[in-house]
Amino acid sequence: MPAEVVMDAINQTTGGHDEYSNNNAPAGTKTINLALSRLRGGGPEYVLGIFGRPLRTQICDCERSIETGLAQAMYLLNDTDVNNKIAAESGRLTKLLEKESNDQKLVEELYLSTLSRKPKADELEKAFKYVNASETRTAGMQDVLWSLLNLREFVFIH
């Protein structure tokens, strides 16, 4: 996925959002609609850069990088921004946890929102085992969502 789509997909899946100054974009603006050349630090330009979004200084999209790298993996694995979006009190997972007591339906919803498919039987079983062994249901489901966001399938198919 292009850089902008990766960020928007993470936000869509987690219910998160990115904050921009009013000079750059109105509240609720999707990343794909940002004029990156106007951003100057303190925003998503680092993440967009590691996922290959160019500054759009040329007319063609030929300056866009499509290479994958360690920085992309480290962002998805360790970045506090991703982890905060997963665990946000106003986030999608928190709302689902409050609304849905059936773990199978919840795990299926997480799979549908990240991978656009239902989990296979063995994936469902692994998720249940993990959540049941976790300190809390919330912590277990946060980890399930985190693991789905880190699958190659998410970045390449979502």
C-alpha atoms as a PDB file:
ATOM      1  CA  MET A   1       0.000   0.000   0.000  1.00  0.00           C
ATOM      2  CA  PRO A   2       1.153   3.544  -0.534  1.00  0.00           C
ATOM      3  CA  ALA A   3       2.226   5.419   2.593  1.00  0.00           C
ATOM      4  CA  GLU A   4      -0.962   7.465   2.877  1.00  0.00           C
ATOM      5  CA  VAL A   5      -3.139   4.371   2.604  1.00  0.00           C
ATOM      6  CA  VAL A   6      -1.127   2.570   5.315  1.00  0.00           C
ATOM      7  CA  MET A   7      -1.748   5.418   7.761  1.00  0.00           C
ATOM      8  CA  ASP A   8      -5.419   5.694   6.832  1.00  0.00           C
ATOM      9  CA  ALA A   9      -5.841   1.912   7.145  1.00  0.00           C
ATOM     10  CA  ILE A  10      -4.313   1.936  10.633  1.00  0.00           C
ATOM     11  CA  ASN A  11      -6.629   4.790  11.606  1.00  0.00           C
ATOM     12  CA  GLN A  12      -9.669   3.072  10.115  1.00  0.00           C
ATOM     13  CA  THR A  13      -8.887  -0.198  11.886  1.00  0.00           C
ATOM     14  CA  THR A  14      -8.091   1.336  15.282  1.00  0.00           C
ATOM     15  CA  GLY A  15     -10.512   4.243  15.196  1.00  0.00           C
ATOM     16  CA  GLY A  16      -7.519   6.537  15.595  1.00  0.00           C
ATOM     17  CA  HIS A  17      -6.754   9.804  13.917  1.00  0.00           C
ATOM     18  CA  ASP A  18      -3.789  12.022  13.298  1.00  0.00           C
ATOM     19  CA  GLU A  19      -3.700  15.630  14.416  1.00  0.00           C
ATOM     20  CA  TYR A  20      -2.558  18.362  12.086  1.00  0.00           C
ATOM     21  CA  SER A  21      -2.395  22.095  12.581  1.00  0.00           C
ATOM     22  CA  ASN A  22      -5.348  24.017  11.191  1.00  0.00           C
ATOM     23  CA  ASN A  23      -2.974  25.569   8.661  1.00  0.00           C
ATOM     24  CA  ASN A  24      -2.252  22.132   7.155  1.00  0.00           C
ATOM     25  CA  ALA A  25      -5.615  20.395   7.204  1.00  0.00           C
ATOM     26  CA  PRO A  26      -9.005  20.640   8.864  1.00  0.00           C
ATOM     27  CA  ALA A  27      -9.918  18.131  11.564  1.00  0.00           C
ATOM     28  CA  GLY A  28     -10.888  14.742  10.178  1.00  0.00           C
ATOM     29  CA  THR A  29      -8.737  15.017   7.063  1.00  0.00           C
ATOM     30  CA  LYS A  30      -7.549  11.656   5.783  1.00  0.00           C
ATOM     31  CA  THR A  31      -3.826  11.279   5.282  1.00  0.00           C
ATOM     32  CA  ILE A  32      -4.276  10.648   1.579  1.00  0.00           C
ATOM     33  CA  ASN A  33      -5.641  14.194   1.228  1.00  0.00           C
ATOM     34  CA  LEU A  34      -2.669  15.947   2.867  1.00  0.00           C
ATOM     35  CA  ALA A  35      -0.344  18.216   0.998  1.00  0.00           C
ATOM     36  CA  LEU A  36       2.857  16.809   2.460  1.00  0.00           C
ATOM     37  CA  SER A  37       4.999  19.625   1.093  1.00  0.00           C
ATOM     38  CA  ARG A  38       3.247  21.926   3.604  1.00  0.00           C
ATOM     39  CA  LEU A  39       4.075  19.793   6.650  1.00  0.00           C
ATOM     40  CA  ARG A  40       7.172  20.854   8.529  1.00  0.00           C
ATOM     41  CA  GLY A  41       7.853  18.615  11.500  1.00  0.00           C
ATOM     42  CA  GLY A  42       5.777  17.442  14.424  1.00  0.00           C
ATOM     43  CA  GLY A  43       3.417  15.475  12.232  1.00  0.00           C
ATOM     44  CA  PRO A  44       3.113  12.366  10.115  1.00  0.00           C
ATOM     45  CA  GLU A  45       5.817  13.256   7.603  1.00  0.00           C
ATOM     46  CA  TYR A  46       8.311  10.881   9.247  1.00  0.00           C
ATOM     47  CA  VAL A  47       5.943   7.922   8.943  1.00  0.00           C
ATOM     48  CA  LEU A  48       4.908   8.888   5.435  1.00  0.00           C
ATOM     49  CA  GLY A  49       8.570   9.174   4.516  1.00  0.00           C
ATOM     50  CA  ILE A  50       9.515   5.716   5.775  1.00  0.00           C
ATOM     51  CA  PHE A  51       6.608   4.225   3.827  1.00  0.00           C
ATOM     52  CA  GLY A  52       7.776   6.005   0.678  1.00  0.00           C
ATOM     53  CA  ARG A  53       5.598   9.078   0.167  1.00  0.00           C
ATOM     54  CA  PRO A  54       7.517  11.707  -1.790  1.00  0.00           C
ATOM     55  CA  LEU A  55       7.406  15.427  -1.141  1.00  0.00           C
ATOM     56  CA  ARG A  56       5.538  15.833  -4.431  1.00  0.00           C
ATOM     57  CA  THR A  57       8.064  18.218  -5.841  1.00  0.00           C
ATOM     58  CA  GLN A  58       7.715  16.615  -9.262  1.00  0.00           C
ATOM     59  CA  ILE A  59       4.625  16.278 -11.421  1.00  0.00           C
ATOM     60  CA  CYS A  60       4.886  12.495 -11.738  1.00  0.00           C
ATOM     61  CA  ASP A  61       4.696   9.876  -9.026  1.00  0.00           C
ATOM     62  CA  CYS A  62       8.103   8.571 -10.136  1.00  0.00           C
ATOM     63  CA  GLU A  63       9.823   9.926  -7.029  1.00  0.00           C
ATOM     64  CA  ARG A  64       7.758   7.600  -4.783  1.00  0.00           C
ATOM     65  CA  SER A  65       9.742   4.776  -3.180  1.00  0.00           C
ATOM     66  CA  ILE A  66       8.160   1.327  -3.163  1.00  0.00           C
ATOM     67  CA  GLU A  67      10.960  -0.405  -1.269  1.00  0.00           C
ATOM     68  CA  THR A  68      10.291  -2.006   2.084  1.00  0.00           C
ATOM     69  CA  GLY A  69      12.680  -1.611   4.964  1.00  0.00           C
ATOM     70  CA  LEU A  70      13.447  -2.038   8.613  1.00  0.00           C
ATOM     71  CA  ALA A  71      12.054   1.388   9.546  1.00  0.00           C
ATOM     72  CA  GLN A  72       8.605   0.364   8.298  1.00  0.00           C
ATOM     73  CA  ALA A  73       8.644  -2.842  10.348  1.00  0.00           C
ATOM     74  CA  MET A  74       9.901  -1.011  13.434  1.00  0.00           C
ATOM     75  CA  TYR A  75       7.146   1.588  13.114  1.00  0.00           C
ATOM     76  CA  LEU A  76       4.429  -1.072  13.068  1.00  0.00           C
ATOM     77  CA  LEU A  77       6.106  -3.158  15.780  1.00  0.00           C
ATOM     78  CA  ASN A  78       7.216  -0.521  18.284  1.00  0.00           C
ATOM     79  CA  ASP A  79       5.944   2.966  17.590  1.00  0.00           C
ATOM     80  CA  THR A  80       4.021   4.514  20.463  1.00  0.00           C
ATOM     81  CA  ASP A  81       1.653   6.127  17.953  1.00  0.00           C
ATOM     82  CA  VAL A  82       0.414   2.714  16.749  1.00  0.00           C
ATOM     83  CA  ASN A  83       0.242   1.304  20.277  1.00  0.00           C
ATOM     84  CA  ASN A  84      -1.656   4.353  21.546  1.00  0.00           C
ATOM     85  CA  LYS A  85      -4.173   4.060  18.722  1.00  0.00           C
ATOM     86  CA  ILE A  86      -4.759   0.386  19.554  1.00  0.00           C
ATOM     87  CA  ALA A  87      -5.253   1.102  23.270  1.00  0.00           C
ATOM     88  CA  ALA A  88      -7.069   4.447  23.023  1.00  0.00           C
ATOM     89  CA  GLU A  89     -10.037   4.855  25.350  1.00  0.00           C
ATOM     90  CA  SER A  90     -11.990   6.396  22.486  1.00  0.00           C
ATOM     91  CA  GLY A  91     -10.652   3.856  19.998  1.00  0.00           C
ATOM     92  CA  ARG A  92     -12.513   1.235  18.059  1.00  0.00           C
ATOM     93  CA  LEU A  93     -11.220  -1.756  20.061  1.00  0.00           C
ATOM     94  CA  THR A  94     -12.265  -0.241  23.399  1.00  0.00           C
ATOM     95  CA  LYS A  95     -15.765   0.311  22.037  1.00  0.00           C
ATOM     96  CA  LEU A  96     -15.913  -3.222  20.648  1.00  0.00           C
ATOM     97  CA  LEU A  97     -14.775  -4.680  23.981  1.00  0.00           C
ATOM     98  CA  GLU A  98     -17.572  -2.834  25.786  1.00  0.00           C
ATOM     99  CA  LYS A  99     -20.197  -3.833  23.235  1.00  0.00           C
ATOM    100  CA  GLU A 100     -19.229  -7.423  22.366  1.00  0.00           C
ATOM    101  CA  SER A 101     -18.896 -10.093  25.062  1.00  0.00           C
ATOM    102  CA  ASN A 102     -18.542 -12.959  22.565  1.00  0.00           C
ATOM    103  CA  ASP A 103     -14.813 -13.378  21.917  1.00  0.00           C
ATOM    104  CA  GLN A 104     -15.368 -15.237  18.648  1.00  0.00           C
ATOM    105  CA  LYS A 105     -17.409 -12.385  17.204  1.00  0.00           C
ATOM    106  CA  LEU A 106     -14.848  -9.868  18.455  1.00  0.00           C
ATOM    107  CA  VAL A 107     -11.884 -11.710  16.921  1.00  0.00           C
ATOM    108  CA  GLU A 108     -13.827 -12.117  13.670  1.00  0.00           C
ATOM    109  CA  GLU A 109     -14.493  -8.370  13.622  1.00  0.00           C
ATOM    110  CA  LEU A 110     -10.786  -7.637  14.161  1.00  0.00           C
ATOM    111  CA  TYR A 111      -9.879  -9.925  11.266  1.00  0.00           C
ATOM    112  CA  LEU A 112     -12.506  -8.381   9.011  1.00  0.00           C
ATOM    113  CA  SER A 113     -11.356  -4.845   9.791  1.00  0.00           C
ATOM    114  CA  THR A 114      -7.652  -5.587   9.294  1.00  0.00           C
ATOM    115  CA  LEU A 115      -7.415  -8.401   6.749  1.00  0.00           C
ATOM    116  CA  SER A 116     -10.869  -8.175   5.134  1.00  0.00           C
ATOM    117  CA  ARG A 117     -11.531 -11.831   5.886  1.00  0.00           C
ATOM    118  CA  LYS A 118     -12.677 -14.044   8.737  1.00  0.00           C
ATOM    119  CA  PRO A 119     -10.067 -15.967  10.716  1.00  0.00           C
ATOM    120  CA  LYS A 120      -9.332 -19.578   9.840  1.00  0.00           C
ATOM    121  CA  ALA A 121     -10.146 -22.164  12.515  1.00  0.00           C
ATOM    122  CA  ASP A 122      -6.519 -22.435  13.673  1.00  0.00           C
ATOM    123  CA  GLU A 123      -6.140 -18.643  13.802  1.00  0.00           C
ATOM    124  CA  LEU A 124      -9.293 -18.356  15.889  1.00  0.00           C
ATOM    125  CA  GLU A 125      -8.047 -21.068  18.254  1.00  0.00           C
ATOM    126  CA  LYS A 126      -4.658 -19.356  18.667  1.00  0.00           C
ATOM    127  CA  ALA A 127      -6.361 -16.031  19.381  1.00  0.00           C
ATOM    128  CA  PHE A 128      -8.612 -17.606  22.039  1.00  0.00           C
ATOM    129  CA  LYS A 129      -5.670 -19.345  23.719  1.00  0.00           C
ATOM    130  CA  TYR A 130      -3.691 -16.119  23.753  1.00  0.00           C
ATOM    131  CA  VAL A 131      -6.535 -13.972  25.095  1.00  0.00           C
ATOM    132  CA  ASN A 132      -7.376 -16.555  27.785  1.00  0.00           C
ATOM    133  CA  ALA A 133      -3.716 -16.670  28.894  1.00  0.00           C
ATOM    134  CA  SER A 134      -3.450 -12.866  28.982  1.00  0.00           C
ATOM    135  CA  GLU A 135      -3.607 -10.813  32.157  1.00  0.00           C
ATOM    136  CA  THR A 136      -6.884  -9.229  31.016  1.00  0.00           C
ATOM    137  CA  ARG A 137      -9.258  -9.661  28.094  1.00  0.00           C
ATOM    138  CA  THR A 138      -8.477  -6.104  27.025  1.00  0.00           C
ATOM    139  CA  ALA A 139      -4.713  -6.681  26.982  1.00  0.00           C
ATOM    140  CA  GLY A 140      -5.167  -9.923  25.066  1.00  0.00           C
ATOM    141  CA  MET A 141      -7.401  -8.363  22.412  1.00  0.00           C
ATOM    142  CA  GLN A 142      -5.041  -5.387  22.068  1.00  0.00           C
ATOM    143  CA  ASP A 143      -2.243  -7.823  21.336  1.00  0.00           C
ATOM    144  CA  VAL A 144      -4.403  -9.695  18.821  1.00  0.00           C
ATOM    145  CA  LEU A 145      -5.100  -6.426  16.989  1.00  0.00           C
ATOM    146  CA  TRP A 146      -1.426  -5.446  17.165  1.00  0.00           C
ATOM    147  CA  SER A 147      -0.415  -8.803  15.671  1.00  0.00           C
ATOM    148  CA  LEU A 148      -2.927  -8.393  12.824  1.00  0.00           C
ATOM    149  CA  LEU A 149      -1.577  -4.931  12.011  1.00  0.00           C
ATOM    150  CA  ASN A 150       1.895  -6.467  11.796  1.00  0.00           C
ATOM    151  CA  LEU A 151       1.017  -9.185   9.313  1.00  0.00           C
ATOM    152  CA  ARG A 152       2.305  -8.695   5.785  1.00  0.00           C
ATOM    153  CA  GLU A 153      -1.238  -9.461   4.711  1.00  0.00           C
ATOM    154  CA  PHE A 154      -2.427  -6.212   6.342  1.00  0.00           C
ATOM    155  CA  VAL A 155       0.046  -3.939   4.578  1.00  0.00           C
ATOM    156  CA  PHE A 156      -0.269  -5.672   1.218  1.00  0.00           C
ATOM    157  CA  ILE A 157      -3.986  -6.474   1.050  1.00  0.00           C
ATOM    158  CA  HIS A 158      -6.009  -4.188   3.354  1.00  0.00           C
END
